Amino acid sequence: MSAQPIHPHEPDRVPRNADGIAAALDGERRMEFYRELLAAAPEQAEAVLHRWWCEAMLDTDPAGDRLTEAALNGTLPTTGVTEAIARRHRAGLPVE
């Protein structure tokens, strides 16, 4: 059994490349992404792309505003670390 996203998106809303990430980001954030990517050493570029892809996916999430509002209002459902670990154990998934 493997973990599945709550809201699957096939294909990804944001392509996993520099052009796709940049297209999903707005103005200043796009420039920040490019500055960070261009300043990264070759061995760091993949990590930069991964982090900014995650940011772009969050920025383009159709439920993003609702989730942000719930988090700010304190009404976002949460799960403690203990419960998350227990779920992974029950599912036979590794816990590191």
Foldseek 3Di string as FASTA:
>chain_A
DDDDDPDDDPPQPFDLDLVSLLVLDDDPVSVVLVVVLVPDDPVCNNVSSVVSVVVSSLSPPPCNVVQVVCVVVVNHDDDDPVVVVVVCVVVVHDDD
